[in-house]
C-alpha atoms as a PDB file:
ATOM      1  CA  MET A   1    -127.273 -86.038  31.745  1.00  0.00           C
ATOM      2  CA  ALA A   2    -127.324 -89.228  33.409  1.00  0.00           C
ATOM      3  CA  LYS A   3    -123.903 -91.326  32.632  1.00  0.00           C
ATOM      4  CA  THR A   4    -123.138 -95.002  32.601  1.00  0.00           C
ATOM      5  CA  GLU A   5    -120.541 -96.935  32.175  1.00  0.00           C
ATOM      6  CA  VAL A   6    -120.178 -99.669  29.418  1.00  0.00           C
ATOM      7  CA  ILE A   7    -117.620-102.280  28.500  1.00  0.00           C
ATOM      8  CA  LEU A   8    -117.166-101.827  24.451  1.00  0.00           C
ATOM      9  CA  THR A   9    -117.161-104.965  22.944  1.00  0.00           C
ATOM     10  CA  HIS A  10    -116.304-103.406  19.266  1.00  0.00           C
ATOM     11  CA  ASN A  11    -113.980-101.138  17.857  1.00  0.00           C
ATOM     12  CA  ILE A  12    -116.045 -97.426  17.848  1.00  0.00           C
ATOM     13  CA  VAL A  13    -114.002 -94.324  16.338  1.00  0.00           C
ATOM     14  CA  GLY A  14    -113.807 -91.831  19.000  1.00  0.00           C
ATOM     15  CA  LEU A  15    -114.792 -93.657  21.885  1.00  0.00           C
ATOM     16  CA  GLY A  16    -112.426 -96.351  22.011  1.00  0.00           C
ATOM     17  CA  GLY A  17    -112.198-100.531  21.348  1.00  0.00           C
ATOM     18  CA  GLU A  18    -112.237-103.466  22.605  1.00  0.00           C
ATOM     19  CA  SER A  19    -112.412-104.150  26.269  1.00  0.00           C
ATOM     20  CA  ASP A  20    -112.025-100.455  26.618  1.00  0.00           C
ATOM     21  CA  GLN A  21    -114.338 -99.374  30.067  1.00  0.00           C
ATOM     22  CA  VAL A  22    -115.986 -95.746  28.921  1.00  0.00           C
ATOM     23  CA  LYS A  23    -118.795 -93.789  30.613  1.00  0.00           C
ATOM     24  CA  VAL A  24    -121.468 -92.412  28.137  1.00  0.00           C
ATOM     25  CA  ALA A  25    -124.877 -90.866  28.317  1.00  0.00           C
ATOM     26  CA  ALA A  26    -127.343 -93.419  29.730  1.00  0.00           C
ATOM     27  CA  GLY A  27    -129.830 -92.978  27.001  1.00  0.00           C
ATOM     28  CA  TYR A  28    -126.959 -93.665  24.267  1.00  0.00           C
ATOM     29  CA  ALA A  29    -126.237 -96.410  25.827  1.00  0.00           C
ATOM     30  CA  ARG A  30    -129.653 -98.136  26.419  1.00  0.00           C
ATOM     31  CA  ASN A  31    -130.953 -97.201  22.917  1.00  0.00           C
ATOM     32  CA  TYR A  32    -127.871 -97.789  20.730  1.00  0.00           C
ATOM     33  CA  LEU A  33    -124.900 -99.740  22.298  1.00  0.00           C
ATOM     34  CA  ILE A  34    -125.958-102.251  23.859  1.00  0.00           C
ATOM     35  CA  PRO A  35    -128.987-103.583  21.653  1.00  0.00           C
ATOM     36  CA  GLN A  36    -126.373-102.973  18.800  1.00  0.00           C
ATOM     37  CA  GLY A  37    -123.999-105.277  20.424  1.00  0.00           C
ATOM     38  CA  MET A  38    -121.455-102.660  20.457  1.00  0.00           C
ATOM     39  CA  ALA A  39    -120.894-102.665  24.495  1.00  0.00           C
ATOM     40  CA  ILE A  40    -122.347-104.279  27.398  1.00  0.00           C
ATOM     41  CA  PRO A  41    -123.059-103.224  30.898  1.00  0.00           C
ATOM     42  CA  VAL A  42    -120.166-103.118  33.708  1.00  0.00           C
ATOM     43  CA  THR A  43    -120.607-106.119  35.881  1.00  0.00           C
ATOM     44  CA  GLY A  44    -118.937-108.939  37.864  1.00  0.00           C
ATOM     45  CA  ALA A  45    -119.809-111.537  35.144  1.00  0.00           C
ATOM     46  CA  ASN A  46    -119.408-109.035  32.214  1.00  0.00           C
ATOM     47  CA  LYS A  47    -115.571-108.147  33.477  1.00  0.00           C
ATOM     48  CA  ARG A  48    -114.629-111.726  33.371  1.00  0.00           C
ATOM     49  CA  ARG A  49    -114.827-111.558  29.505  1.00  0.00           C
ATOM     50  CA  LEU A  50    -112.467-108.649  29.512  1.00  0.00           C
ATOM     51  CA  GLU A  51    -109.445-110.784  28.218  1.00  0.00           C
ATOM     52  CA  VAL A  52    -111.521-112.678  25.313  1.00  0.00           C
ATOM     53  CA  LEU A  53    -112.164-108.698  23.970  1.00  0.00           C
ATOM     54  CA  LYS A  54    -108.482-108.167  24.709  1.00  0.00           C
ATOM     55  CA  GLN A  55    -107.379-110.695  22.158  1.00  0.00           C
ATOM     56  CA  ARG A  56    -110.098-109.628  19.952  1.00  0.00           C
ATOM     57  CA  ARG A  57    -108.961-106.460  20.187  1.00  0.00           C
ATOM     58  CA  GLY A  58    -105.237-107.552  19.623  1.00  0.00           C
ATOM     59  CA  GLU A  59    -106.064-109.454  16.336  1.00  0.00           C
ATOM     60  CA  ARG A  60    -108.164-106.954  15.104  1.00  0.00           C
ATOM     61  CA  GLU A  61    -105.383-104.335  15.206  1.00  0.00           C
ATOM     62  CA  ALA A  62    -102.668-106.716  14.150  1.00  0.00           C
ATOM     63  CA  HIS A  63    -104.814-107.570  11.163  1.00  0.00           C
ATOM     64  CA  GLU A  64    -105.594-103.616  10.475  1.00  0.00           C
ATOM     65  CA  LEU A  65    -102.073-102.678  10.855  1.00  0.00           C
ATOM     66  CA  ASN A  66    -100.684-105.831   8.318  1.00  0.00           C
ATOM     67  CA  THR A  67    -103.700-104.319   5.639  1.00  0.00           C
ATOM     68  CA  MET A  68    -102.585-100.721   5.831  1.00  0.00           C
ATOM     69  CA  THR A  69     -98.674-101.569   5.317  1.00  0.00           C
ATOM     70  CA  GLU A  70     -99.361-103.549   2.492  1.00  0.00           C
ATOM     71  CA  LEU A  71    -101.779-100.576   1.173  1.00  0.00           C
ATOM     72  CA  SER A  72     -99.482 -97.876   1.913  1.00  0.00           C
ATOM     73  CA  LYS A  73     -96.589 -99.823  -0.674  1.00  0.00           C
ATOM     74  CA  SER A  74     -98.997-100.073  -3.228  1.00  0.00           C
ATOM     75  CA  ILE A  75    -100.273 -96.491  -2.994  1.00  0.00           C
ATOM     76  CA  SER A  76     -96.939 -95.206  -2.972  1.00  0.00           C
ATOM     77  CA  LYS A  77     -96.256 -96.216  -6.841  1.00  0.00           C
ATOM     78  CA  LEU A  78     -99.414 -94.639  -7.496  1.00  0.00           C
ATOM     79  CA  THR A  79    -100.153 -91.303  -9.498  1.00  0.00           C
ATOM     80  CA  CYS A  80    -103.749 -89.959  -8.891  1.00  0.00           C
ATOM     81  CA  LEU A  81    -104.576 -87.947 -11.288  1.00  0.00           C
ATOM     82  CA  ILE A  82    -106.926 -84.863 -10.614  1.00  0.00           C
ATOM     83  CA  SER A  83    -108.725 -82.316 -13.643  1.00  0.00           C
ATOM     84  CA  VAL A  84    -109.572 -79.279 -12.724  1.00  0.00           C
ATOM     85  CA  LYS A  85    -110.293 -76.380 -15.156  1.00  0.00           C
ATOM     86  CA  THR A  86    -108.174 -72.996 -15.462  1.00  0.00           C
ATOM     87  CA  GLY A  87    -108.301 -69.404 -16.654  1.00  0.00           C
ATOM     88  CA  GLU A  88    -106.642 -68.463 -19.674  1.00  0.00           C
ATOM     89  CA  ASP A  89    -103.681 -67.362 -17.433  1.00  0.00           C
ATOM     90  CA  GLY A  90    -103.629 -70.951 -15.987  1.00  0.00           C
ATOM     91  CA  LYS A  91    -104.511 -70.335 -12.415  1.00  0.00           C
ATOM     92  CA  MET A  92    -107.002 -73.158 -11.148  1.00  0.00           C
ATOM     93  CA  PHE A  93    -110.467 -72.341 -10.399  1.00  0.00           C
ATOM     94  CA  GLY A  94    -111.287 -73.681  -6.677  1.00  0.00           C
ATOM     95  CA  THR A  95    -108.977 -76.002  -5.115  1.00  0.00           C
ATOM     96  CA  VAL A  96    -108.078 -79.865  -5.031  1.00  0.00           C
ATOM     97  CA  THR A  97    -109.279 -81.446  -1.480  1.00  0.00           C
ATOM     98  CA  SER A  98    -109.053 -84.364   0.271  1.00  0.00           C
ATOM     99  CA  GLY A  99    -112.476 -85.486  -0.747  1.00  0.00           C
ATOM    100  CA  MET A 100    -111.720 -84.962  -4.141  1.00  0.00           C
ATOM    101  CA  ILE A 101    -108.445 -87.267  -3.705  1.00  0.00           C
ATOM    102  CA  ALA A 102    -110.493 -89.630  -1.737  1.00  0.00           C
ATOM    103  CA  ASP A 103    -112.973 -90.287  -4.896  1.00  0.00           C
ATOM    104  CA  GLN A 104    -110.565 -90.206  -7.539  1.00  0.00           C
ATOM    105  CA  LEU A 105    -108.458 -93.190  -5.287  1.00  0.00           C
ATOM    106  CA  LYS A 106    -111.820 -94.754  -5.623  1.00  0.00           C
ATOM    107  CA  THR A 107    -112.913 -93.421  -9.145  1.00  0.00           C
ATOM    108  CA  GLN A 108    -109.204 -94.698 -10.374  1.00  0.00           C
ATOM    109  CA  PHE A 109    -107.947 -97.482  -7.972  1.00  0.00           C
ATOM    110  CA  ASP A 110    -110.848 -98.787  -6.347  1.00  0.00           C
ATOM    111  CA  VAL A 111    -109.010 -97.543  -3.425  1.00  0.00           C
ATOM    112  CA  THR A 112    -111.431 -97.047  -0.326  1.00  0.00           C
ATOM    113  CA  LEU A 113    -109.693 -94.339   1.693  1.00  0.00           C
ATOM    114  CA  GLU A 114    -111.101 -92.123   4.570  1.00  0.00           C
ATOM    115  CA  LYS A 115    -110.536 -88.434   3.783  1.00  0.00           C
ATOM    116  CA  LYS A 116    -109.570 -87.646   7.124  1.00  0.00           C
ATOM    117  CA  LYS A 117    -106.620 -90.142   6.437  1.00  0.00           C
ATOM    118  CA  ILE A 118    -105.461 -87.593   3.728  1.00  0.00           C
ATOM    119  CA  TYR A 119    -103.554 -84.967   5.130  1.00  0.00           C
ATOM    120  CA  LEU A 120    -103.469 -81.616   3.414  1.00  0.00           C
ATOM    121  CA  GLU A 121    -101.944 -78.834   5.295  1.00  0.00           C
ATOM    122  CA  HIS A 122    -103.590 -76.585   2.620  1.00  0.00           C
ATOM    123  CA  PRO A 123    -105.998 -77.585  -0.399  1.00  0.00           C
ATOM    124  CA  ILE A 124    -104.267 -77.500  -3.499  1.00  0.00           C
ATOM    125  CA  ARG A 125    -104.504 -74.649  -5.658  1.00  0.00           C
ATOM    126  CA  THR A 126    -101.588 -75.042  -8.435  1.00  0.00           C
ATOM    127  CA  LEU A 127    -100.984 -77.586 -11.745  1.00  0.00           C
ATOM    128  CA  GLY A 128     -98.424 -80.139 -11.308  1.00  0.00           C
ATOM    129  CA  ASP A 129     -97.396 -83.013  -9.055  1.00  0.00           C
ATOM    130  CA  HIS A 130     -98.099 -82.789  -5.612  1.00  0.00           C
ATOM    131  CA  ASP A 131     -96.971 -84.877  -2.811  1.00  0.00           C
ATOM    132  CA  VAL A 132     -99.670 -85.645  -0.521  1.00  0.00           C
ATOM    133  CA  GLU A 133     -98.802 -87.696   3.253  1.00  0.00           C
ATOM    134  CA  LEU A 134    -101.724 -90.417   3.662  1.00  0.00           C
ATOM    135  CA  ARG A 135    -101.653 -91.015   7.239  1.00  0.00           C
ATOM    136  CA  LEU A 136    -103.585 -95.075   6.648  1.00  0.00           C
ATOM    137  CA  HIS A 137    -102.854 -96.342  10.428  1.00  0.00           C
ATOM    138  CA  THR A 138    -101.133 -94.607  13.911  1.00  0.00           C
ATOM    139  CA  ASP A 139     -97.860 -97.184  12.692  1.00  0.00           C
ATOM    140  CA  VAL A 140     -98.257 -96.184   9.174  1.00  0.00           C
ATOM    141  CA  THR A 141     -97.853 -93.334   6.616  1.00  0.00           C
ATOM    142  CA  THR A 142     -97.167 -93.305   3.225  1.00  0.00           C
ATOM    143  CA  THR A 143     -97.064 -90.970   0.596  1.00  0.00           C
ATOM    144  CA  LEU A 144     -99.184 -90.467  -2.584  1.00  0.00           C
ATOM    145  CA  LYS A 145     -98.363 -88.428  -5.946  1.00  0.00           C
ATOM    146  CA  VAL A 146    -101.194 -86.540  -6.808  1.00  0.00           C
ATOM    147  CA  ARG A 147    -101.131 -84.681 -10.504  1.00  0.00           C
ATOM    148  CA  VAL A 148    -103.408 -81.972 -11.274  1.00  0.00           C
ATOM    149  CA  GLU A 149    -104.065 -80.951 -14.891  1.00  0.00           C
ATOM    150  CA  SER A 150    -106.340 -78.502 -16.568  1.00  0.00           C
ATOM    151  CA  THR A 151    -108.883 -79.687 -18.488  1.00  0.00           C
ATOM    152  CA  THR A 152    -109.165 -75.946 -20.374  1.00  0.00           C
ATOM    153  CA  PRO A 153    -107.538 -76.125 -24.103  1.00  0.00           C
ATOM    154  CA  ALA A 154    -104.786 -74.129 -24.516  1.00  0.00           C
ATOM    155  CA  PRO A 155    -105.587 -70.953 -26.536  1.00  0.00           C
ATOM    156  CA  ALA A 156    -104.279 -70.780 -29.997  1.00  0.00           C
ATOM    157  CA  PRO A 157    -101.307 -69.036 -31.033  1.00  0.00           C
ATOM    158  CA  VAL A 158    -102.838 -66.124 -33.130  1.00  0.00           C
ATOM    159  CA  ALA A 159    -100.058 -63.262 -32.360  1.00  0.00           C
ATOM    160  CA  ALA A 160     -97.544 -66.314 -33.740  1.00  0.00           C
ATOM    161  CA  GLU A 161     -99.159 -66.738 -37.040  1.00  0.00           C
ATOM    162  CA  ALA A 162     -99.238 -63.486 -37.956  1.00  0.00           C
ATOM    163  CA  ASP A 163     -95.903 -62.795 -37.073  1.00  0.00           C
ATOM    164  CA  GLY A 164     -95.504 -66.043 -39.209  1.00  0.00           C
ATOM    165  CA  LYS A 165     -96.904 -64.627 -42.022  1.00  0.00           C
ATOM    166  CA  LYS A 166     -95.307 -60.855 -42.132  1.00  0.00           C
ATOM    167  CA  GLU A 167     -92.052 -62.494 -42.241  1.00  0.00           C
ATOM    168  CA  VAL A 168     -92.730 -64.810 -45.231  1.00  0.00           C
ATOM    169  CA  ARG A 169     -94.144 -61.551 -46.671  1.00  0.00           C
ATOM    170  CA  THR A 170     -91.064 -59.228 -46.305  1.00  0.00           C
ATOM    171  CA  GLU A 171     -88.553 -62.131 -47.427  1.00  0.00           C
ATOM    172  CA  LYS A 172     -90.959 -62.185 -51.343  1.00  0.00           C
ATOM    173  CA  ARG A 173     -90.389 -58.633 -51.224  1.00  0.00           C
ATOM    174  CA  GLY A 174     -86.867 -58.327 -50.261  1.00  0.00           C
ATOM    175  CA  ARG A 175     -86.254 -60.330 -53.535  1.00  0.00           C
ATOM    176  CA  ARG A 176     -87.884 -58.385 -55.945  1.00  0.00           C
ATOM    177  CA  PRO A 177     -85.200 -55.991 -56.270  1.00  0.00           C
ATOM    178  CA  GLU A 178     -82.493 -58.676 -56.744  1.00  0.00           C
ATOM    179  CA  ALA A 179     -84.159 -59.436 -60.674  1.00  0.00           C
ATOM    180  CA  ALA A 180     -82.605 -55.430 -61.487  1.00  0.00           C
ATOM    181  CA  PRO A 181     -79.362 -55.813 -61.447  1.00  0.00           C
ATOM    182  CA  GLU A 182     -79.165 -58.666 -63.804  1.00  0.00           C
ATOM    183  CA  ILE A 183     -81.124 -56.798 -66.407  1.00  0.00           C
ATOM    184  CA  VAL A 184     -78.725 -53.861 -65.913  1.00  0.00           C
ATOM    185  CA  GLU A 185     -75.963 -56.350 -66.862  1.00  0.00           C
ATOM    186  CA  SER A 186     -77.974 -57.997 -69.752  1.00  0.00           C
ATOM    187  CA  ALA A 187     -78.142 -54.695 -70.797  1.00  0.00           C
ATOM    188  CA  GLU A 188     -74.595 -54.063 -70.637  1.00  0.00           C
ATOM    189  CA  LYS A 189     -73.585 -57.402 -72.468  1.00  0.00           C
ATOM    190  CA  LYS A 190     -75.862 -56.645 -75.504  1.00  0.00           C
ATOM    191  CA  PRO A 191     -73.465 -54.809 -78.185  1.00  0.00           C
ATOM    192  CA  ARG A 192     -74.439 -51.263 -79.624  1.00  0.00           C
ATOM    193  CA  ALA A 193     -74.804 -51.101 -83.100  1.00  0.00           C
ATOM    194  CA  ALA A 194     -71.902 -49.065 -84.920  1.00  0.00           C
ATOM    195  CA  LYS A 195     -73.123 -45.822 -86.173  1.00  0.00           C
ATOM    196  CA  PRO A 196     -71.685 -45.205 -89.903  1.00  0.00           C
ATOM    197  CA  GLU A 197     -68.916 -43.184 -89.757  1.00  0.00           C
ATOM    198  CA  LYS A 198     -68.832 -39.354 -91.697  1.00  0.00           C
ATOM    199  CA  ALA A 199     -67.321 -39.517 -95.251  1.00  0.00           C
ATOM    200  CA  SER A 200     -64.109 -37.572 -95.169  1.00  0.00           C
ATOM    201  CA  LYS A 201     -63.581 -34.130 -96.899  1.00  0.00           C
ATOM    202  CA  ALA A 202     -60.932 -36.580 -99.140  1.00  0.00           C
ATOM    203  CA  GLU A 203     -63.685 -39.043-100.093  1.00  0.00           C
ATOM    204  CA  LYS A 204     -65.602 -36.620-100.926  1.00  0.00           C
ATOM    205  CA  GLY A 205     -63.335 -34.760-103.793  1.00  0.00           C
ATOM    206  CA  SER A 206     -62.492 -37.622-105.142  1.00  0.00           C
ATOM    207  CA  LYS A 207     -65.880 -38.928-106.294  1.00  0.00           C
ATOM    208  CA  SER A 208     -66.448 -35.278-107.278  1.00  0.00           C
ATOM    209  CA  GLU A 209     -63.894 -35.301-110.101  1.00  0.00           C
END
């Protein structure tokens, strides 16, 4: 494939920035870069424009650095909430990815960030708070707090309620025997009627006389 050399007039991710002299496919340069005003052919006249392009590039990079520095200060104070579904054991269904975090930053805080700037060594697989590194610029990094919460309702504590009812019933049954001593005591306190004494033989004899 034929190659040609061009001078970039705009920053192109993966290719270069303003004033960079790069080699690209001839068709790519002829059909896209040059017509779109993103590059110019390498000629003596165009080389004299390099100083202007370098100055423009310096201004752009300084602006990006300032913007990302301010953004990093704001993001470091935020907590991004991610809601996920979990099973009864509390384990997540799926994982939290950099794309999901980028979407929630836009939804919750109106912060537009490319997902490639959100660095996750591994997707998040557990609930709770996680510190995620953001690589906003070559010279600017910050940390975003991501809180992963479950949307699955917690199971009702059926077993605990049943145990509570059993304890109440046991206490009620345990109180019934306490009434027995009171009855016995009252019975003991109640005076018994005195039985009439039998008349002695002497009394009987006097009566018969």
